[in-house]
Amino acid sequence: MRELIRIVRRLPVALCAWGPETAEHTVVLLHGWMEHGGFWWRVAEPLAQAGVRVLAPDARGHGRSGHVGQGGYYHFPDYLVDLDHLVDAPVHLVGHSMGGTVASMFAAARPEKVRSLTLSEGLGPPSETTAMAVQRIKKHLDHMRRDWVSASLTLDEATERMQRSWPALSPGDARRLASRQHDGAAWTFDSLHKSRSPIAFHLDRHLEQLRRIECPVGLLFGKRSWYSGVDRLQERIDSIRARTLGHVDAGHALHLEDSGEIVRMVRQLGAF
């Protein structure tokens, strides 16, 4: 793995990169909440060995990418705008969880830039009712009165926390991944991400976005994951026309527990 820095709208965005830069096919991997691009190594390495160029950006405020300035906020569409700046030519897009929601929205809005789409439990988060709208705004206002500063912790403590959050990681892998999200004194992950957004996820709007996806789509789910109980899951699946469905004996972190199935799906859809 090598690391690159791109400046996107004056914000440094870090990318983990594998494989030949001149490859015919490029795969872009989008990570989940509180992860970073390095979490994809088990998927990226086999693809790179097959001659594919692989890029896995750290989303803004994650890993080694920059944070928004004072008084700023992380609005979900910002992730799509950043991706739009990073992707110039058609790519094979892969997303896990939060990254899957970004990937599906992007594929609907920029069909000319996406050759295929693989979603690892990435059909959107649990939805909220409209009756909760005022309560959500109230929670956001309360959160914006806080000072969101990352708690100090050592790399050893960060490694232990990483293993608690992702039990599939070995101690060595947990330490390596923690080091990309630790500056020697604290997480580099911007704790502002833990605040409540003022805008709720709108499922009906997202279903319309899923219907607009034109490329072939691979959908993967963990048999032991909480995501199997997400509301209106079958309706989300049925909204995608050209879909291939797969179920893996894993929890939510398929890319850590059964990366081979993701690699297989990406190669099948991409025909490489």
C-alpha atoms as a PDB file:
ATOM      1  CA  MET A   1       0.000   0.000   0.000  1.00  0.00           C
ATOM      2  CA  ARG A   2       1.113   3.529  -0.744  1.00  0.00           C
ATOM      3  CA  GLU A   3      -0.485   6.741   0.429  1.00  0.00           C
ATOM      4  CA  LEU A   4      -1.425   9.774  -1.634  1.00  0.00           C
ATOM      5  CA  ILE A   5      -2.794  13.202  -0.779  1.00  0.00           C
ATOM      6  CA  ARG A   6      -5.262  15.043  -3.018  1.00  0.00           C
ATOM      7  CA  ILE A   7      -6.533  18.538  -2.361  1.00  0.00           C
ATOM      8  CA  VAL A   8     -10.309  18.620  -2.762  1.00  0.00           C
ATOM      9  CA  ARG A   9     -11.984  21.998  -2.280  1.00  0.00           C
ATOM     10  CA  ARG A  10      -8.968  23.125  -0.238  1.00  0.00           C
ATOM     11  CA  LEU A  11      -9.228  20.096   2.040  1.00  0.00           C
ATOM     12  CA  PRO A  12      -6.472  17.435   2.016  1.00  0.00           C
ATOM     13  CA  VAL A  13      -7.920  13.994   1.279  1.00  0.00           C
ATOM     14  CA  ALA A  14      -5.715  10.967   1.978  1.00  0.00           C
ATOM     15  CA  LEU A  15      -5.969   7.914  -0.270  1.00  0.00           C
ATOM     16  CA  CYS A  16      -4.658   4.400   0.214  1.00  0.00           C
ATOM     17  CA  ALA A  17      -3.537   3.044  -3.154  1.00  0.00           C
ATOM     18  CA  TRP A  18      -2.611  -0.399  -4.472  1.00  0.00           C
ATOM     19  CA  GLY A  19      -1.816  -1.851  -7.895  1.00  0.00           C
ATOM     20  CA  PRO A  20      -0.523  -0.367 -11.159  1.00  0.00           C
ATOM     21  CA  GLU A  21      -1.433   3.259 -11.844  1.00  0.00           C
ATOM     22  CA  THR A  22      -1.879   2.509 -15.565  1.00  0.00           C
ATOM     23  CA  ALA A  23      -4.302  -0.403 -15.094  1.00  0.00           C
ATOM     24  CA  GLU A  24      -7.319  -0.704 -17.382  1.00  0.00           C
ATOM     25  CA  HIS A  25      -9.681  -1.027 -14.413  1.00  0.00           C
ATOM     26  CA  THR A  26      -9.854   1.144 -11.288  1.00  0.00           C
ATOM     27  CA  VAL A  27     -11.752   0.132  -8.168  1.00  0.00           C
ATOM     28  CA  VAL A  28     -12.650   2.786  -5.585  1.00  0.00           C
ATOM     29  CA  LEU A  29     -13.439   1.535  -2.077  1.00  0.00           C
ATOM     30  CA  LEU A  30     -15.493   3.679   0.329  1.00  0.00           C
ATOM     31  CA  HIS A  31     -15.253   2.857   4.032  1.00  0.00           C
ATOM     32  CA  GLY A  32     -17.815   2.971   6.822  1.00  0.00           C
ATOM     33  CA  TRP A  33     -18.277   5.358   9.726  1.00  0.00           C
ATOM     34  CA  MET A  34     -15.235   5.669  12.041  1.00  0.00           C
ATOM     35  CA  GLU A  35     -13.098   3.612   9.644  1.00  0.00           C
ATOM     36  CA  HIS A  36     -10.578   4.751   7.035  1.00  0.00           C
ATOM     37  CA  GLY A  37      -9.246   3.602   3.670  1.00  0.00           C
ATOM     38  CA  GLY A  38      -6.741   1.207   5.235  1.00  0.00           C
ATOM     39  CA  PHE A  39      -9.590  -1.007   6.458  1.00  0.00           C
ATOM     40  CA  TRP A  40      -9.928  -2.295   2.892  1.00  0.00           C
ATOM     41  CA  TRP A  41      -6.528  -4.007   2.621  1.00  0.00           C
ATOM     42  CA  ARG A  42      -7.963  -7.536   2.556  1.00  0.00           C
ATOM     43  CA  VAL A  43     -10.078  -6.598  -0.463  1.00  0.00           C
ATOM     44  CA  ALA A  44      -7.524  -4.335  -2.133  1.00  0.00           C
ATOM     45  CA  GLU A  45      -4.518  -6.651  -2.153  1.00  0.00           C
ATOM     46  CA  PRO A  46      -6.096  -9.513  -4.188  1.00  0.00           C
ATOM     47  CA  LEU A  47      -7.500  -6.992  -6.681  1.00  0.00           C
ATOM     48  CA  ALA A  48      -4.104  -5.344  -7.046  1.00  0.00           C
ATOM     49  CA  GLN A  49      -2.480  -8.754  -7.591  1.00  0.00           C
ATOM     50  CA  ALA A  50      -4.969  -9.254 -10.439  1.00  0.00           C
ATOM     51  CA  GLY A  51      -3.641  -6.091 -12.102  1.00  0.00           C
ATOM     52  CA  VAL A  52      -6.369  -3.716 -10.922  1.00  0.00           C
ATOM     53  CA  ARG A  53      -5.717  -0.183  -9.655  1.00  0.00           C
ATOM     54  CA  VAL A  54      -7.344   0.291  -6.242  1.00  0.00           C
ATOM     55  CA  LEU A  55      -8.009   3.548  -4.392  1.00  0.00           C
ATOM     56  CA  ALA A  56      -9.505   3.832  -0.911  1.00  0.00           C
ATOM     57  CA  PRO A  57      -9.919   7.417   0.303  1.00  0.00           C
ATOM     58  CA  ASP A  58     -10.161   8.456   3.928  1.00  0.00           C
ATOM     59  CA  ALA A  59     -13.432  10.362   4.109  1.00  0.00           C
ATOM     60  CA  ARG A  60     -13.136  13.921   5.389  1.00  0.00           C
ATOM     61  CA  GLY A  61     -12.613  13.933   9.131  1.00  0.00           C
ATOM     62  CA  HIS A  62     -11.463  10.282   9.082  1.00  0.00           C
ATOM     63  CA  GLY A  63      -8.005   8.694   9.026  1.00  0.00           C
ATOM     64  CA  ARG A  64      -5.424  11.105   7.661  1.00  0.00           C
ATOM     65  CA  SER A  65      -7.790  13.363   5.708  1.00  0.00           C
ATOM     66  CA  GLY A  66      -8.378  16.939   6.797  1.00  0.00           C
ATOM     67  CA  HIS A  67     -11.085  18.197   9.126  1.00  0.00           C
ATOM     68  CA  VAL A  68     -13.608  20.893   8.386  1.00  0.00           C
ATOM     69  CA  GLY A  69     -12.691  24.322   9.739  1.00  0.00           C
ATOM     70  CA  GLN A  70     -13.985  25.950  12.889  1.00  0.00           C
ATOM     71  CA  GLY A  71     -17.712  26.511  12.687  1.00  0.00           C
ATOM     72  CA  GLY A  72     -18.054  23.933   9.878  1.00  0.00           C
ATOM     73  CA  TYR A  73     -19.998  20.666   9.845  1.00  0.00           C
ATOM     74  CA  TYR A  74     -20.003  17.288   8.107  1.00  0.00           C
ATOM     75  CA  HIS A  75     -23.121  17.205   5.954  1.00  0.00           C
ATOM     76  CA  PHE A  76     -23.657  13.901   4.141  1.00  0.00           C
ATOM     77  CA  PRO A  77     -23.692  15.384   0.599  1.00  0.00           C
ATOM     78  CA  ASP A  78     -20.119  16.605   1.219  1.00  0.00           C
ATOM     79  CA  TYR A  79     -18.937  12.997   0.887  1.00  0.00           C
ATOM     80  CA  LEU A  80     -20.493  12.831  -2.579  1.00  0.00           C
ATOM     81  CA  VAL A  81     -18.953  16.124  -3.664  1.00  0.00           C
ATOM     82  CA  ASP A  82     -15.509  14.936  -2.540  1.00  0.00           C
ATOM     83  CA  LEU A  83     -15.951  11.674  -4.463  1.00  0.00           C
ATOM     84  CA  ASP A  84     -17.046  13.579  -7.558  1.00  0.00           C
ATOM     85  CA  HIS A  85     -13.757  15.507  -7.450  1.00  0.00           C
ATOM     86  CA  LEU A  86     -11.699  12.355  -6.933  1.00  0.00           C
ATOM     87  CA  VAL A  87     -13.287  10.293  -9.742  1.00  0.00           C
ATOM     88  CA  ASP A  88     -12.557  11.577 -13.249  1.00  0.00           C
ATOM     89  CA  ALA A  89     -12.975   8.407 -15.335  1.00  0.00           C
ATOM     90  CA  PRO A  90     -15.405   5.464 -15.026  1.00  0.00           C
ATOM     91  CA  VAL A  91     -14.573   3.241 -12.036  1.00  0.00           C
ATOM     92  CA  HIS A  92     -15.879   0.186 -10.235  1.00  0.00           C
ATOM     93  CA  LEU A  93     -17.321   1.518  -6.993  1.00  0.00           C
ATOM     94  CA  VAL A  94     -17.479  -0.450  -3.741  1.00  0.00           C
ATOM     95  CA  GLY A  95     -18.958   0.787  -0.470  1.00  0.00           C
ATOM     96  CA  HIS A  96     -19.437  -0.567   3.020  1.00  0.00           C
ATOM     97  CA  SER A  97     -22.175   0.735   5.343  1.00  0.00           C
ATOM     98  CA  MET A  98     -21.905   4.565   5.268  1.00  0.00           C
ATOM     99  CA  GLY A  99     -19.630   4.261   2.239  1.00  0.00           C
ATOM    100  CA  GLY A 100     -22.240   2.098   0.531  1.00  0.00           C
ATOM    101  CA  THR A 101     -24.873   4.790   0.961  1.00  0.00           C
ATOM    102  CA  VAL A 102     -22.454   7.325  -0.543  1.00  0.00           C
ATOM    103  CA  ALA A 103     -21.651   4.936  -3.405  1.00  0.00           C
ATOM    104  CA  SER A 104     -25.295   4.225  -4.250  1.00  0.00           C
ATOM    105  CA  MET A 105     -26.214   7.932  -4.265  1.00  0.00           C
ATOM    106  CA  PHE A 106     -23.205   8.703  -6.439  1.00  0.00           C
ATOM    107  CA  ALA A 107     -24.012   5.914  -8.914  1.00  0.00           C
ATOM    108  CA  ALA A 108     -27.522   7.335  -9.327  1.00  0.00           C
ATOM    109  CA  ALA A 109     -26.323  10.910  -9.847  1.00  0.00           C
ATOM    110  CA  ARG A 110     -23.195  10.194 -11.925  1.00  0.00           C
ATOM    111  CA  PRO A 111     -23.988   7.048 -13.955  1.00  0.00           C
ATOM    112  CA  GLU A 112     -21.298   7.905 -16.506  1.00  0.00           C
ATOM    113  CA  LYS A 113     -18.623   7.552 -13.808  1.00  0.00           C
ATOM    114  CA  VAL A 114     -19.628   4.127 -12.420  1.00  0.00           C
ATOM    115  CA  ARG A 115     -19.054   0.878 -14.318  1.00  0.00           C
ATOM    116  CA  SER A 116     -20.281  -1.391 -11.547  1.00  0.00           C
ATOM    117  CA  LEU A 117     -21.375  -1.052  -7.952  1.00  0.00           C
ATOM    118  CA  THR A 118     -20.803  -3.434  -5.048  1.00  0.00           C
ATOM    119  CA  LEU A 119     -22.568  -2.639  -1.774  1.00  0.00           C
ATOM    120  CA  SER A 120     -21.587  -4.366   1.457  1.00  0.00           C
ATOM    121  CA  GLU A 121     -24.590  -3.695   3.699  1.00  0.00           C
ATOM    122  CA  GLY A 122     -24.790  -0.251   2.168  1.00  0.00           C
ATOM    123  CA  LEU A 123     -28.429   0.414   1.287  1.00  0.00           C
ATOM    124  CA  GLY A 124     -28.836   3.241   3.758  1.00  0.00           C
ATOM    125  CA  PRO A 125     -29.141   3.418   7.561  1.00  0.00           C
ATOM    126  CA  PRO A 126     -32.305   2.856   9.599  1.00  0.00           C
ATOM    127  CA  SER A 127     -34.861   5.518   8.758  1.00  0.00           C
ATOM    128  CA  GLU A 128     -36.725   7.870  11.068  1.00  0.00           C
ATOM    129  CA  THR A 129     -40.347   8.957  11.062  1.00  0.00           C
ATOM    130  CA  THR A 130     -41.300  12.528  10.254  1.00  0.00           C
ATOM    131  CA  ALA A 131     -42.672  12.791  13.795  1.00  0.00           C
ATOM    132  CA  MET A 132     -39.076  12.795  15.024  1.00  0.00           C
ATOM    133  CA  ALA A 133     -38.037  15.818  12.940  1.00  0.00           C
ATOM    134  CA  VAL A 134     -38.322  18.409  15.703  1.00  0.00           C
ATOM    135  CA  GLN A 135     -36.612  16.168  18.249  1.00  0.00           C
ATOM    136  CA  ARG A 136     -33.731  15.670  15.824  1.00  0.00           C
ATOM    137  CA  ILE A 137     -33.248  19.412  15.356  1.00  0.00           C
ATOM    138  CA  LYS A 138     -33.360  19.860  19.117  1.00  0.00           C
ATOM    139  CA  LYS A 139     -30.688  17.207  19.561  1.00  0.00           C
ATOM    140  CA  HIS A 140     -28.521  18.860  16.890  1.00  0.00           C
ATOM    141  CA  LEU A 141     -28.808  22.250  18.611  1.00  0.00           C
ATOM    142  CA  ASP A 142     -27.883  20.674  21.939  1.00  0.00           C
ATOM    143  CA  HIS A 143     -24.881  18.960  20.373  1.00  0.00           C
ATOM    144  CA  MET A 144     -23.689  22.153  18.710  1.00  0.00           C
ATOM    145  CA  ARG A 145     -23.327  23.704  22.167  1.00  0.00           C
ATOM    146  CA  ARG A 146     -20.659  21.137  23.027  1.00  0.00           C
ATOM    147  CA  ASP A 147     -16.937  21.327  22.364  1.00  0.00           C
ATOM    148  CA  TRP A 148     -16.248  18.211  20.294  1.00  0.00           C
ATOM    149  CA  VAL A 149     -12.606  17.470  21.139  1.00  0.00           C
ATOM    150  CA  SER A 150     -11.113  14.009  20.707  1.00  0.00           C
ATOM    151  CA  ALA A 151     -10.186  12.413  24.014  1.00  0.00           C
ATOM    152  CA  SER A 152      -6.484  11.831  24.518  1.00  0.00           C
ATOM    153  CA  LEU A 153      -5.330   8.205  24.445  1.00  0.00           C
ATOM    154  CA  THR A 154      -2.135   6.294  23.749  1.00  0.00           C
ATOM    155  CA  LEU A 155      -1.594   4.101  20.701  1.00  0.00           C
ATOM    156  CA  ASP A 156      -1.904   1.042  22.938  1.00  0.00           C
ATOM    157  CA  GLU A 157      -5.279   2.294  24.182  1.00  0.00           C
ATOM    158  CA  ALA A 158      -6.322   3.098  20.607  1.00  0.00           C
ATOM    159  CA  THR A 159      -5.365  -0.429  19.541  1.00  0.00           C
ATOM    160  CA  GLU A 160      -7.436  -1.961  22.326  1.00  0.00           C
ATOM    161  CA  ARG A 161     -10.395   0.211  21.385  1.00  0.00           C
ATOM    162  CA  MET A 162      -9.980  -0.799  17.735  1.00  0.00           C
ATOM    163  CA  GLN A 163     -10.103  -4.485  18.666  1.00  0.00           C
ATOM    164  CA  ARG A 164     -13.209  -3.997  20.807  1.00  0.00           C
ATOM    165  CA  SER A 165     -14.986  -2.301  17.916  1.00  0.00           C
ATOM    166  CA  TRP A 166     -13.812  -4.791  15.262  1.00  0.00           C
ATOM    167  CA  PRO A 167     -13.203  -8.208  16.925  1.00  0.00           C
ATOM    168  CA  ALA A 168     -12.237  -9.740  13.564  1.00  0.00           C
ATOM    169  CA  LEU A 169      -8.915  -7.848  13.694  1.00  0.00           C
ATOM    170  CA  SER A 170      -5.764  -9.507  14.977  1.00  0.00           C
ATOM    171  CA  PRO A 171      -3.710  -7.479  17.510  1.00  0.00           C
ATOM    172  CA  GLY A 172      -1.179  -6.628  14.799  1.00  0.00           C
ATOM    173  CA  ASP A 173      -3.795  -5.523  12.277  1.00  0.00           C
ATOM    174  CA  ALA A 174      -5.635  -3.517  14.935  1.00  0.00           C
ATOM    175  CA  ARG A 175      -2.442  -1.655  15.844  1.00  0.00           C
ATOM    176  CA  ARG A 176      -1.590  -0.959  12.196  1.00  0.00           C
ATOM    177  CA  LEU A 177      -5.057   0.417  11.484  1.00  0.00           C
ATOM    178  CA  ALA A 178      -5.109   2.379  14.744  1.00  0.00           C
ATOM    179  CA  SER A 179      -1.828   4.051  13.805  1.00  0.00           C
ATOM    180  CA  ARG A 180      -3.469   5.553  10.706  1.00  0.00           C
ATOM    181  CA  GLN A 181      -6.116   7.115  12.910  1.00  0.00           C
ATOM    182  CA  HIS A 182      -3.872   8.233  15.779  1.00  0.00           C
ATOM    183  CA  ASP A 183      -1.471  11.175  15.952  1.00  0.00           C
ATOM    184  CA  GLY A 184       0.493  10.010  18.969  1.00  0.00           C
ATOM    185  CA  ALA A 185      -1.855  11.552  21.505  1.00  0.00           C
ATOM    186  CA  ALA A 186      -5.456  11.164  20.265  1.00  0.00           C
ATOM    187  CA  TRP A 187      -7.668   9.880  17.459  1.00  0.00           C
ATOM    188  CA  THR A 188      -7.411  11.848  14.213  1.00  0.00           C
ATOM    189  CA  PHE A 189     -11.062  10.952  13.651  1.00  0.00           C
ATOM    190  CA  ASP A 190     -13.016  14.182  14.135  1.00  0.00           C
ATOM    191  CA  SER A 191     -15.324  13.602  17.105  1.00  0.00           C
ATOM    192  CA  LEU A 192     -17.797  16.041  15.548  1.00  0.00           C
ATOM    193  CA  HIS A 193     -18.979  13.026  13.521  1.00  0.00           C
ATOM    194  CA  LYS A 194     -20.573  11.713  16.716  1.00  0.00           C
ATOM    195  CA  SER A 195     -22.953  14.669  16.891  1.00  0.00           C
ATOM    196  CA  ARG A 196     -26.536  14.364  15.663  1.00  0.00           C
ATOM    197  CA  SER A 197     -27.058  15.684  12.139  1.00  0.00           C
ATOM    198  CA  PRO A 198     -29.980  18.107  11.711  1.00  0.00           C
ATOM    199  CA  ILE A 199     -31.274  16.212   8.658  1.00  0.00           C
ATOM    200  CA  ALA A 200     -32.712  12.724   9.020  1.00  0.00           C
ATOM    201  CA  PHE A 201     -32.155   9.970   6.464  1.00  0.00           C
ATOM    202  CA  HIS A 202     -35.117  10.034   4.076  1.00  0.00           C
ATOM    203  CA  LEU A 203     -35.766   6.459   2.955  1.00  0.00           C
ATOM    204  CA  ASP A 204     -38.381   7.158   0.270  1.00  0.00           C
ATOM    205  CA  ARG A 205     -36.033   9.653  -1.356  1.00  0.00           C
ATOM    206  CA  HIS A 206     -33.228   7.108  -1.216  1.00  0.00           C
ATOM    207  CA  LEU A 207     -35.431   4.433  -2.798  1.00  0.00           C
ATOM    208  CA  GLU A 208     -35.882   6.729  -5.779  1.00  0.00           C
ATOM    209  CA  GLN A 209     -32.099   7.096  -6.005  1.00  0.00           C
ATOM    210  CA  LEU A 210     -31.674   3.333  -5.932  1.00  0.00           C
ATOM    211  CA  ARG A 211     -34.171   2.999  -8.809  1.00  0.00           C
ATOM    212  CA  ARG A 212     -32.050   5.352 -10.929  1.00  0.00           C
ATOM    213  CA  ILE A 213     -28.885   3.233 -10.766  1.00  0.00           C
ATOM    214  CA  GLU A 214     -28.043   1.994 -14.259  1.00  0.00           C
ATOM    215  CA  CYS A 215     -24.921  -0.147 -13.768  1.00  0.00           C
ATOM    216  CA  PRO A 216     -24.838  -3.774 -12.546  1.00  0.00           C
ATOM    217  CA  VAL A 217     -25.023  -3.936  -8.753  1.00  0.00           C
ATOM    218  CA  GLY A 218     -23.800  -6.552  -6.302  1.00  0.00           C
ATOM    219  CA  LEU A 219     -25.483  -6.659  -2.875  1.00  0.00           C
ATOM    220  CA  LEU A 220     -23.788  -8.496  -0.018  1.00  0.00           C
ATOM    221  CA  PHE A 221     -25.169  -9.067   3.468  1.00  0.00           C
ATOM    222  CA  GLY A 222     -23.858 -10.746   6.602  1.00  0.00           C
ATOM    223  CA  LYS A 223     -26.002 -13.566   7.956  1.00  0.00           C
ATOM    224  CA  ARG A 224     -25.068 -12.571  11.532  1.00  0.00           C
ATOM    225  CA  SER A 225     -25.358  -8.823  11.051  1.00  0.00           C
ATOM    226  CA  TRP A 226     -27.782  -6.401  12.710  1.00  0.00           C
ATOM    227  CA  TYR A 227     -28.371  -4.998   9.224  1.00  0.00           C
ATOM    228  CA  SER A 228     -30.655  -7.897   8.329  1.00  0.00           C
ATOM    229  CA  GLY A 229     -33.277  -6.242  10.519  1.00  0.00           C
ATOM    230  CA  VAL A 230     -33.063  -2.767   9.032  1.00  0.00           C
ATOM    231  CA  ASP A 231     -36.487  -1.381   8.134  1.00  0.00           C
ATOM    232  CA  ARG A 232     -37.900  -2.067   4.647  1.00  0.00           C
ATOM    233  CA  LEU A 233     -34.741  -3.920   3.606  1.00  0.00           C
ATOM    234  CA  GLN A 234     -36.459  -6.022   0.941  1.00  0.00           C
ATOM    235  CA  GLU A 235     -37.974  -2.879  -0.582  1.00  0.00           C
ATOM    236  CA  ARG A 236     -34.505  -1.351  -0.744  1.00  0.00           C
ATOM    237  CA  ILE A 237     -33.173  -4.459  -2.481  1.00  0.00           C
ATOM    238  CA  ASP A 238     -36.077  -4.604  -4.947  1.00  0.00           C
ATOM    239  CA  SER A 239     -35.530  -0.961  -5.913  1.00  0.00           C
ATOM    240  CA  ILE A 240     -32.336  -1.948  -7.749  1.00  0.00           C
ATOM    241  CA  ARG A 241     -32.966  -3.410 -11.170  1.00  0.00           C
ATOM    242  CA  ALA A 242     -29.728  -5.137 -12.278  1.00  0.00           C
ATOM    243  CA  ARG A 243     -28.740  -6.748  -8.979  1.00  0.00           C
ATOM    244  CA  THR A 244     -26.827  -9.821  -7.851  1.00  0.00           C
ATOM    245  CA  LEU A 245     -27.530 -10.877  -4.279  1.00  0.00           C
ATOM    246  CA  GLY A 246     -25.202 -12.670  -1.882  1.00  0.00           C
ATOM    247  CA  HIS A 247     -25.276 -13.653   1.803  1.00  0.00           C
ATOM    248  CA  VAL A 248     -22.075 -14.283   3.760  1.00  0.00           C
ATOM    249  CA  ASP A 249     -21.546 -16.019   7.105  1.00  0.00           C
ATOM    250  CA  ALA A 250     -20.342 -12.820   8.763  1.00  0.00           C
ATOM    251  CA  GLY A 251     -21.410  -9.844  10.835  1.00  0.00           C
ATOM    252  CA  HIS A 252     -21.612  -6.262   9.614  1.00  0.00           C
ATOM    253  CA  ALA A 253     -17.883  -5.995   8.798  1.00  0.00           C
ATOM    254  CA  LEU A 254     -17.878  -8.253   5.739  1.00  0.00           C
ATOM    255  CA  HIS A 255     -14.677  -6.655   4.404  1.00  0.00           C
ATOM    256  CA  LEU A 256     -12.849  -7.875   7.522  1.00  0.00           C
ATOM    257  CA  GLU A 257     -14.617 -11.203   8.084  1.00  0.00           C
ATOM    258  CA  ASP A 258     -15.060 -12.528   4.514  1.00  0.00           C
ATOM    259  CA  SER A 259     -13.228 -10.245   2.109  1.00  0.00           C
ATOM    260  CA  GLY A 260     -12.978 -13.002  -0.492  1.00  0.00           C
ATOM    261  CA  GLU A 261     -16.689 -12.803  -1.274  1.00  0.00           C
ATOM    262  CA  ILE A 262     -16.429  -9.060  -1.884  1.00  0.00           C
ATOM    263  CA  VAL A 263     -13.436  -9.591  -4.181  1.00  0.00           C
ATOM    264  CA  ARG A 264     -15.339 -12.284  -6.081  1.00  0.00           C
ATOM    265  CA  MET A 265     -18.372 -10.039  -6.521  1.00  0.00           C
ATOM    266  CA  VAL A 266     -16.300  -7.053  -7.686  1.00  0.00           C
ATOM    267  CA  ARG A 267     -14.450  -9.160 -10.256  1.00  0.00           C
ATOM    268  CA  GLN A 268     -17.646 -10.832 -11.458  1.00  0.00           C
ATOM    269  CA  LEU A 269     -19.414  -7.507 -12.040  1.00  0.00           C
ATOM    270  CA  GLY A 270     -16.344  -5.883 -13.545  1.00  0.00           C
ATOM    271  CA  ALA A 271     -15.480  -8.859 -15.790  1.00  0.00           C
ATOM    272  CA  PHE A 272     -11.774  -8.788 -14.887  1.00  0.00           C
END
